[in-house]
Amino acid sequence: MSIDSIPCDLFVDISGTDCALPFSKLNDALEVLLPGQTLMAVSAKQALQSDIPAFCRQRNIQLLGQGETNEQFYFLIQL
């Protein structure tokens, strides 16, 4: 499966970011979404596989799915 084949309303690449920056980028992206819209976030950092679900729980937003493809981890988040 290719990330490009997954429908989403907004795409954000959080690769190459450290510490709080991925979450700052996610927060900025979520600000422009309307309820029910989806955000696709991608990163090369394996640690985010547990951090992004925790972020979604804290923000009370739905993580629709996550996975790995072409050495990138992806997260489909719905506002």
PDB file of N, CA and C in Angstrom:
ATOM      1  N   MET A   1       0.847  -1.185   0.000  1.00  0.00           N
ATOM      2  CA  MET A   1       0.000   0.000   0.000  1.00  0.00           C
ATOM      3  C   MET A   1       0.884   1.237   0.000  1.00  0.00           C
ATOM      4  N   SER A   2       0.487   2.221  -0.743  1.00  0.00           N
ATOM      5  CA  SER A   2       1.196   3.495  -0.812  1.00  0.00           C
ATOM      6  C   SER A   2       0.451   4.528   0.030  1.00  0.00           C
ATOM      7  N   ILE A   3       1.199   5.370   0.685  1.00  0.00           N
ATOM      8  CA  ILE A   3       0.593   6.450   1.476  1.00  0.00           C
ATOM      9  C   ILE A   3      -0.283   7.319   0.587  1.00  0.00           C
ATOM     10  N   ASP A   4       0.147   7.509  -0.656  1.00  0.00           N
ATOM     11  CA  ASP A   4      -0.607   8.347  -1.593  1.00  0.00           C
ATOM     12  C   ASP A   4      -1.997   7.800  -1.892  1.00  0.00           C
ATOM     13  N   SER A   5      -2.204   6.502  -1.665  1.00  0.00           N
ATOM     14  CA  SER A   5      -3.502   5.905  -1.976  1.00  0.00           C
ATOM     15  C   SER A   5      -4.506   6.034  -0.830  1.00  0.00           C
ATOM     16  N   ILE A   6      -4.076   6.566   0.304  1.00  0.00           N
ATOM     17  CA  ILE A   6      -4.958   6.731   1.461  1.00  0.00           C
ATOM     18  C   ILE A   6      -5.563   8.133   1.407  1.00  0.00           C
ATOM     19  N   PRO A   7      -6.879   8.235   1.294  1.00  0.00           N
ATOM     20  CA  PRO A   7      -7.489   9.567   1.201  1.00  0.00           C
ATOM     21  C   PRO A   7      -7.388  10.332   2.523  1.00  0.00           C
ATOM     22  N   CYS A   8      -7.082  11.624   2.403  1.00  0.00           N
ATOM     23  CA  CYS A   8      -7.033  12.501   3.578  1.00  0.00           C
ATOM     24  C   CYS A   8      -7.282  13.930   3.114  1.00  0.00           C
ATOM     25  N   ASP A   9      -7.655  14.780   4.058  1.00  0.00           N
ATOM     26  CA  ASP A   9      -7.907  16.190   3.749  1.00  0.00           C
ATOM     27  C   ASP A   9      -6.643  17.036   3.825  1.00  0.00           C
ATOM     28  N   LEU A  10      -5.682  16.612   4.639  1.00  0.00           N
ATOM     29  CA  LEU A  10      -4.460  17.384   4.826  1.00  0.00           C
ATOM     30  C   LEU A  10      -3.315  16.417   5.084  1.00  0.00           C
ATOM     31  N   PHE A  11      -2.146  16.732   4.551  1.00  0.00           N
ATOM     32  CA  PHE A  11      -0.944  15.910   4.691  1.00  0.00           C
ATOM     33  C   PHE A  11       0.128  16.746   5.375  1.00  0.00           C
ATOM     34  N   VAL A  12       0.806  16.161   6.363  1.00  0.00           N
ATOM     35  CA  VAL A  12       1.908  16.853   7.019  1.00  0.00           C
ATOM     36  C   VAL A  12       3.057  15.860   7.208  1.00  0.00           C
ATOM     37  N   ASP A  13       4.244  16.291   6.808  1.00  0.00           N
ATOM     38  CA  ASP A  13       5.448  15.479   6.948  1.00  0.00           C
ATOM     39  C   ASP A  13       6.184  15.951   8.189  1.00  0.00           C
ATOM     40  N   ILE A  14       6.250  15.091   9.193  1.00  0.00           N
ATOM     41  CA  ILE A  14       6.930  15.442  10.440  1.00  0.00           C
ATOM     42  C   ILE A  14       8.273  14.728  10.538  1.00  0.00           C
ATOM     43  N   SER A  15       8.770  14.240   9.409  1.00  0.00           N
ATOM     44  CA  SER A  15      10.094  13.603   9.372  1.00  0.00           C
ATOM     45  C   SER A  15      11.171  14.637   9.666  1.00  0.00           C
ATOM     46  N   GLY A  16      12.244  14.169  10.291  1.00  0.00           N
ATOM     47  CA  GLY A  16      13.372  15.053  10.543  1.00  0.00           C
ATOM     48  C   GLY A  16      13.159  16.045  11.653  1.00  0.00           C
ATOM     49  N   THR A  17      12.109  15.873  12.422  1.00  0.00           N
ATOM     50  CA  THR A  17      11.858  16.782  13.539  1.00  0.00           C
ATOM     51  C   THR A  17      12.098  16.042  14.855  1.00  0.00           C
ATOM     52  N   ASP A  18      12.529  16.740  15.864  1.00  0.00           N
ATOM     53  CA  ASP A  18      12.838  16.146  17.161  1.00  0.00           C
ATOM     54  C   ASP A  18      12.007  16.776  18.267  1.00  0.00           C
ATOM     55  N   CYS A  19      11.978  16.067  19.374  1.00  0.00           N
ATOM     56  CA  CYS A  19      11.349  16.513  20.622  1.00  0.00           C
ATOM     57  C   CYS A  19       9.889  16.932  20.413  1.00  0.00           C
ATOM     58  N   ALA A  20       9.576  18.153  20.736  1.00  0.00           N
ATOM     59  CA  ALA A  20       8.192  18.620  20.683  1.00  0.00           C
ATOM     60  C   ALA A  20       7.777  19.114  19.302  1.00  0.00           C
ATOM     61  N   LEU A  21       8.724  19.272  18.384  1.00  0.00           N
ATOM     62  CA  LEU A  21       8.397  19.836  17.076  1.00  0.00           C
ATOM     63  C   LEU A  21       7.380  19.014  16.288  1.00  0.00           C
ATOM     64  N   PRO A  22       7.440  17.668  16.299  1.00  0.00           N
ATOM     65  CA  PRO A  22       6.395  16.936  15.563  1.00  0.00           C
ATOM     66  C   PRO A  22       4.993  17.272  16.077  1.00  0.00           C
ATOM     67  N   PHE A  23       4.862  17.424  17.377  1.00  0.00           N
ATOM     68  CA  PHE A  23       3.556  17.696  17.963  1.00  0.00           C
ATOM     69  C   PHE A  23       3.128  19.135  17.724  1.00  0.00           C
ATOM     70  N   SER A  24       4.079  20.034  17.662  1.00  0.00           N
ATOM     71  CA  SER A  24       3.768  21.411  17.302  1.00  0.00           C
ATOM     72  C   SER A  24       3.250  21.469  15.868  1.00  0.00           C
ATOM     73  N   LYS A  25       3.899  20.740  14.966  1.00  0.00           N
ATOM     74  CA  LYS A  25       3.441  20.687  13.570  1.00  0.00           C
ATOM     75  C   LYS A  25       2.058  20.049  13.471  1.00  0.00           C
ATOM     76  N   LEU A  26       1.833  18.988  14.251  1.00  0.00           N
ATOM     77  CA  LEU A  26       0.510  18.344  14.246  1.00  0.00           C
ATOM     78  C   LEU A  26      -0.557  19.299  14.768  1.00  0.00           C
ATOM     79  N   ASN A  27      -0.270  20.001  15.850  1.00  0.00           N
ATOM     80  CA  ASN A  27      -1.234  20.959  16.400  1.00  0.00           C
ATOM     81  C   ASN A  27      -1.562  22.045  15.391  1.00  0.00           C
ATOM     82  N   ASP A  28      -0.547  22.567  14.707  1.00  0.00           N
ATOM     83  CA  ASP A  28      -0.774  23.594  13.688  1.00  0.00           C
ATOM     84  C   ASP A  28      -1.664  23.061  12.566  1.00  0.00           C
ATOM     85  N   ALA A  29      -1.410  21.833  12.129  1.00  0.00           N
ATOM     86  CA  ALA A  29      -2.197  21.230  11.053  1.00  0.00           C
ATOM     87  C   ALA A  29      -3.640  20.986  11.502  1.00  0.00           C
ATOM     88  N   LEU A  30      -3.815  20.541  12.734  1.00  0.00           N
ATOM     89  CA  LEU A  30      -5.160  20.270  13.242  1.00  0.00           C
ATOM     90  C   LEU A  30      -5.986  21.540  13.366  1.00  0.00           C
ATOM     91  N   GLU A  31      -5.333  22.674  13.549  1.00  0.00           N
ATOM     92  CA  GLU A  31      -6.030  23.958  13.673  1.00  0.00           C
ATOM     93  C   GLU A  31      -6.835  24.309  12.425  1.00  0.00           C
ATOM     94  N   VAL A  32      -6.402  23.844  11.260  1.00  0.00           N
ATOM     95  CA  VAL A  32      -7.080  24.211  10.013  1.00  0.00           C
ATOM     96  C   VAL A  32      -8.138  23.195   9.589  1.00  0.00           C
ATOM     97  N   LEU A  33      -8.203  22.065  10.282  1.00  0.00           N
ATOM     98  CA  LEU A  33      -9.191  21.041   9.930  1.00  0.00           C
ATOM     99  C   LEU A  33     -10.551  21.335  10.556  1.00  0.00           C
ATOM    100  N   LEU A  34     -11.576  20.918   9.866  1.00  0.00           N
ATOM    101  CA  LEU A  34     -12.934  20.981  10.387  1.00  0.00           C
ATOM    102  C   LEU A  34     -13.287  19.631  10.991  1.00  0.00           C
ATOM    103  N   PRO A  35     -14.251  19.579  11.904  1.00  0.00           N
ATOM    104  CA  PRO A  35     -14.647  18.295  12.473  1.00  0.00           C
ATOM    105  C   PRO A  35     -14.994  17.288  11.369  1.00  0.00           C
ATOM    106  N   GLY A  36     -14.471  16.078  11.529  1.00  0.00           N
ATOM    107  CA  GLY A  36     -14.714  15.012  10.567  1.00  0.00           C
ATOM    108  C   GLY A  36     -13.646  14.903   9.491  1.00  0.00           C
ATOM    109  N   GLN A  37     -12.824  15.945   9.334  1.00  0.00           N
ATOM    110  CA  GLN A  37     -11.762  15.882   8.334  1.00  0.00           C
ATOM    111  C   GLN A  37     -10.580  15.071   8.861  1.00  0.00           C
ATOM    112  N   THR A  38      -9.742  14.616   7.922  1.00  0.00           N
ATOM    113  CA  THR A  38      -8.626  13.755   8.299  1.00  0.00           C
ATOM    114  C   THR A  38      -7.281  14.370   7.946  1.00  0.00           C
ATOM    115  N   LEU A  39      -6.302  14.007   8.745  1.00  0.00           N
ATOM    116  CA  LEU A  39      -4.932  14.453   8.593  1.00  0.00           C
ATOM    117  C   LEU A  39      -4.046  13.221   8.452  1.00  0.00           C
ATOM    118  N   MET A  40      -3.179  13.215   7.452  1.00  0.00           N
ATOM    119  CA  MET A  40      -2.187  12.165   7.297  1.00  0.00           C
ATOM    120  C   MET A  40      -0.844  12.745   7.718  1.00  0.00           C
ATOM    121  N   ALA A  41      -0.231  12.151   8.727  1.00  0.00           N
ATOM    122  CA  ALA A  41       1.095  12.563   9.178  1.00  0.00           C
ATOM    123  C   ALA A  41       2.067  11.432   8.884  1.00  0.00           C
ATOM    124  N   VAL A  42       3.247  11.761   8.389  1.00  0.00           N
ATOM    125  CA  VAL A  42       4.264  10.751   8.112  1.00  0.00           C
ATOM    126  C   VAL A  42       5.580  11.144   8.778  1.00  0.00           C
ATOM    127  N   SER A  43       6.330  10.119   9.167  1.00  0.00           N
ATOM    128  CA  SER A  43       7.619  10.328   9.804  1.00  0.00           C
ATOM    129  C   SER A  43       8.477   9.086   9.620  1.00  0.00           C
ATOM    130  N   ALA A  44       9.768   9.271   9.690  1.00  0.00           N
ATOM    131  CA  ALA A  44      10.699   8.151   9.632  1.00  0.00           C
ATOM    132  C   ALA A  44      11.055   7.651  11.032  1.00  0.00           C
ATOM    133  N   LYS A  45      10.559   8.301  12.062  1.00  0.00           N
ATOM    134  CA  LYS A  45      10.919   7.953  13.439  1.00  0.00           C
ATOM    135  C   LYS A  45       9.986   6.898  14.019  1.00  0.00           C
ATOM    136  N   GLN A  46      10.565   5.753  14.354  1.00  0.00           N
ATOM    137  CA  GLN A  46       9.794   4.641  14.892  1.00  0.00           C
ATOM    138  C   GLN A  46       9.164   4.969  16.248  1.00  0.00           C
ATOM    139  N   ALA A  47       9.808   5.804  17.037  1.00  0.00           N
ATOM    140  CA  ALA A  47       9.306   6.151  18.369  1.00  0.00           C
ATOM    141  C   ALA A  47       7.915   6.771  18.313  1.00  0.00           C
ATOM    142  N   LEU A  48       7.582   7.414  17.199  1.00  0.00           N
ATOM    143  CA  LEU A  48       6.270   8.060  17.098  1.00  0.00           C
ATOM    144  C   LEU A  48       5.132   7.052  17.010  1.00  0.00           C
ATOM    145  N   GLN A  49       5.444   5.778  16.794  1.00  0.00           N
ATOM    146  CA  GLN A  49       4.391   4.765  16.742  1.00  0.00           C
ATOM    147  C   GLN A  49       3.639   4.653  18.060  1.00  0.00           C
ATOM    148  N   SER A  50       4.277   4.974  19.148  1.00  0.00           N
ATOM    149  CA  SER A  50       3.562   4.996  20.433  1.00  0.00           C
ATOM    150  C   SER A  50       3.226   6.420  20.861  1.00  0.00           C
ATOM    151  N   ASP A  51       4.020   7.388  20.426  1.00  0.00           N
ATOM    152  CA  ASP A  51       3.791   8.783  20.827  1.00  0.00           C
ATOM    153  C   ASP A  51       2.549   9.390  20.163  1.00  0.00           C
ATOM    154  N   ILE A  52       2.319   9.102  18.893  1.00  0.00           N
ATOM    155  CA  ILE A  52       1.162   9.678  18.189  1.00  0.00           C
ATOM    156  C   ILE A  52      -0.153   9.156  18.765  1.00  0.00           C
ATOM    157  N   PRO A  53      -0.299   7.843  19.018  1.00  0.00           N
ATOM    158  CA  PRO A  53      -1.542   7.402  19.668  1.00  0.00           C
ATOM    159  C   PRO A  53      -1.776   8.073  21.019  1.00  0.00           C
ATOM    160  N   ALA A  54      -0.727   8.261  21.796  1.00  0.00           N
ATOM    161  CA  ALA A  54      -0.867   8.951  23.089  1.00  0.00           C
ATOM    162  C   ALA A  54      -1.290  10.398  22.884  1.00  0.00           C
ATOM    163  N   PHE A  55      -0.708  11.059  21.895  1.00  0.00           N
ATOM    164  CA  PHE A  55      -1.073  12.440  21.548  1.00  0.00           C
ATOM    165  C   PHE A  55      -2.563  12.513  21.200  1.00  0.00           C
ATOM    166  N   CYS A  56      -3.032  11.561  20.408  1.00  0.00           N
ATOM    167  CA  CYS A  56      -4.449  11.558  20.013  1.00  0.00           C
ATOM    168  C   CYS A  56      -5.360  11.353  21.214  1.00  0.00           C
ATOM    169  N   ARG A  57      -4.985  10.455  22.107  1.00  0.00           N
ATOM    170  CA  ARG A  57      -5.795  10.240  23.314  1.00  0.00           C
ATOM    171  C   ARG A  57      -5.848  11.509  24.167  1.00  0.00           C
ATOM    172  N   GLN A  58      -4.713  12.172  24.319  1.00  0.00           N
ATOM    173  CA  GLN A  58      -4.662  13.397  25.125  1.00  0.00           C
ATOM    174  C   GLN A  58      -5.503  14.505  24.517  1.00  0.00           C
ATOM    175  N   ARG A  59      -5.517  14.581  23.195  1.00  0.00           N
ATOM    176  CA  ARG A  59      -6.290  15.630  22.498  1.00  0.00           C
ATOM    177  C   ARG A  59      -7.735  15.225  22.256  1.00  0.00           C
ATOM    178  N   ASN A  60      -8.076  13.982  22.604  1.00  0.00           N
ATOM    179  CA  ASN A  60      -9.421  13.441  22.383  1.00  0.00           C
ATOM    180  C   ASN A  60      -9.805  13.492  20.898  1.00  0.00           C
ATOM    181  N   ILE A  61      -8.863  13.078  20.056  1.00  0.00           N
ATOM    182  CA  ILE A  61      -9.101  12.961  18.622  1.00  0.00           C
ATOM    183  C   ILE A  61      -8.866  11.515  18.221  1.00  0.00           C
ATOM    184  N   GLN A  62      -9.439  11.124  17.120  1.00  0.00           N
ATOM    185  CA  GLN A  62      -9.425   9.721  16.731  1.00  0.00           C
ATOM    186  C   GLN A  62      -8.254   9.388  15.803  1.00  0.00           C
ATOM    187  N   LEU A  63      -7.513   8.366  16.180  1.00  0.00           N
ATOM    188  CA  LEU A  63      -6.481   7.808  15.315  1.00  0.00           C
ATOM    189  C   LEU A  63      -7.158   6.698  14.514  1.00  0.00           C
ATOM    190  N   LEU A  64      -7.405   6.969  13.229  1.00  0.00           N
ATOM    191  CA  LEU A  64      -8.117   6.015  12.383  1.00  0.00           C
ATOM    192  C   LEU A  64      -7.239   4.843  11.967  1.00  0.00           C
ATOM    193  N   GLY A  65      -5.948   5.093  11.868  1.00  0.00           N
ATOM    194  CA  GLY A  65      -5.056   4.023  11.475  1.00  0.00           C
ATOM    195  C   GLY A  65      -3.616   4.478  11.494  1.00  0.00           C
ATOM    196  N   GLN A  66      -2.737   3.497  11.521  1.00  0.00           N
ATOM    197  CA  GLN A  66      -1.320   3.775  11.457  1.00  0.00           C
ATOM    198  C   GLN A  66      -0.643   2.561  10.844  1.00  0.00           C
ATOM    199  N   GLY A  67       0.523   2.783  10.275  1.00  0.00           N
ATOM    200  CA  GLY A  67       1.244   1.687   9.669  1.00  0.00           C
ATOM    201  C   GLY A  67       2.599   2.129   9.177  1.00  0.00           C
ATOM    202  N   GLU A  68       3.221   1.248   8.405  1.00  0.00           N
ATOM    203  CA  GLU A  68       4.549   1.524   7.875  1.00  0.00           C
ATOM    204  C   GLU A  68       4.572   1.144   6.399  1.00  0.00           C
ATOM    205  N   THR A  69       5.163   1.995   5.604  1.00  0.00           N
ATOM    206  CA  THR A  69       5.341   1.722   4.194  1.00  0.00           C
ATOM    207  C   THR A  69       6.578   2.470   3.702  1.00  0.00           C
ATOM    208  N   ASN A  70       7.378   1.816   2.904  1.00  0.00           N
ATOM    209  CA  ASN A  70       8.584   2.440   2.335  1.00  0.00           C
ATOM    210  C   ASN A  70       9.439   3.140   3.385  1.00  0.00           C
ATOM    211  N   GLU A  71       9.653   2.468   4.519  1.00  0.00           N
ATOM    212  CA  GLU A  71      10.493   2.993   5.603  1.00  0.00           C
ATOM    213  C   GLU A  71       9.960   4.288   6.212  1.00  0.00           C
ATOM    214  N   GLN A  72       8.672   4.540   6.045  1.00  0.00           N
ATOM    215  CA  GLN A  72       8.012   5.672   6.688  1.00  0.00           C
ATOM    216  C   GLN A  72       6.832   5.160   7.494  1.00  0.00           C
ATOM    217  N   PHE A  73       6.590   5.804   8.607  1.00  0.00           N
ATOM    218  CA  PHE A  73       5.440   5.489   9.444  1.00  0.00           C
ATOM    219  C   PHE A  73       4.369   6.526   9.156  1.00  0.00           C
ATOM    220  N   TYR A  74       3.140   6.069   9.046  1.00  0.00           N
ATOM    221  CA  TYR A  74       2.051   7.004   8.759  1.00  0.00           C
ATOM    222  C   TYR A  74       0.968   6.879   9.811  1.00  0.00           C
ATOM    223  N   PHE A  75       0.247   7.988   9.989  1.00  0.00           N
ATOM    224  CA  PHE A  75      -0.799   8.093  10.995  1.00  0.00           C
ATOM    225  C   PHE A  75      -1.961   8.848  10.370  1.00  0.00           C
ATOM    226  N   LEU A  76      -3.130   8.238  10.358  1.00  0.00           N
ATOM    227  CA  LEU A  76      -4.324   8.880   9.839  1.00  0.00           C
ATOM    228  C   LEU A  76      -5.179   9.299  11.031  1.00  0.00           C
ATOM    229  N   ILE A  77      -5.331  10.598  11.176  1.00  0.00           N
ATOM    230  CA  ILE A  77      -5.988  11.187  12.339  1.00  0.00           C
ATOM    231  C   ILE A  77      -7.235  11.913  11.891  1.00  0.00           C
ATOM    232  N   GLN A  78      -8.326  11.717  12.640  1.00  0.00           N
ATOM    233  CA  GLN A  78      -9.571  12.421  12.323  1.00  0.00           C
ATOM    234  C   GLN A  78      -9.915  13.369  13.448  1.00  0.00           C
ATOM    235  N   LEU A  79     -10.238  14.591  13.072  1.00  0.00           N
ATOM    236  CA  LEU A  79     -10.612  15.607  14.056  1.00  0.00           C
ATOM    237  C   LEU A  79     -12.049  15.393  14.495  1.00  0.00           C
TER     238      LEU A  79
END
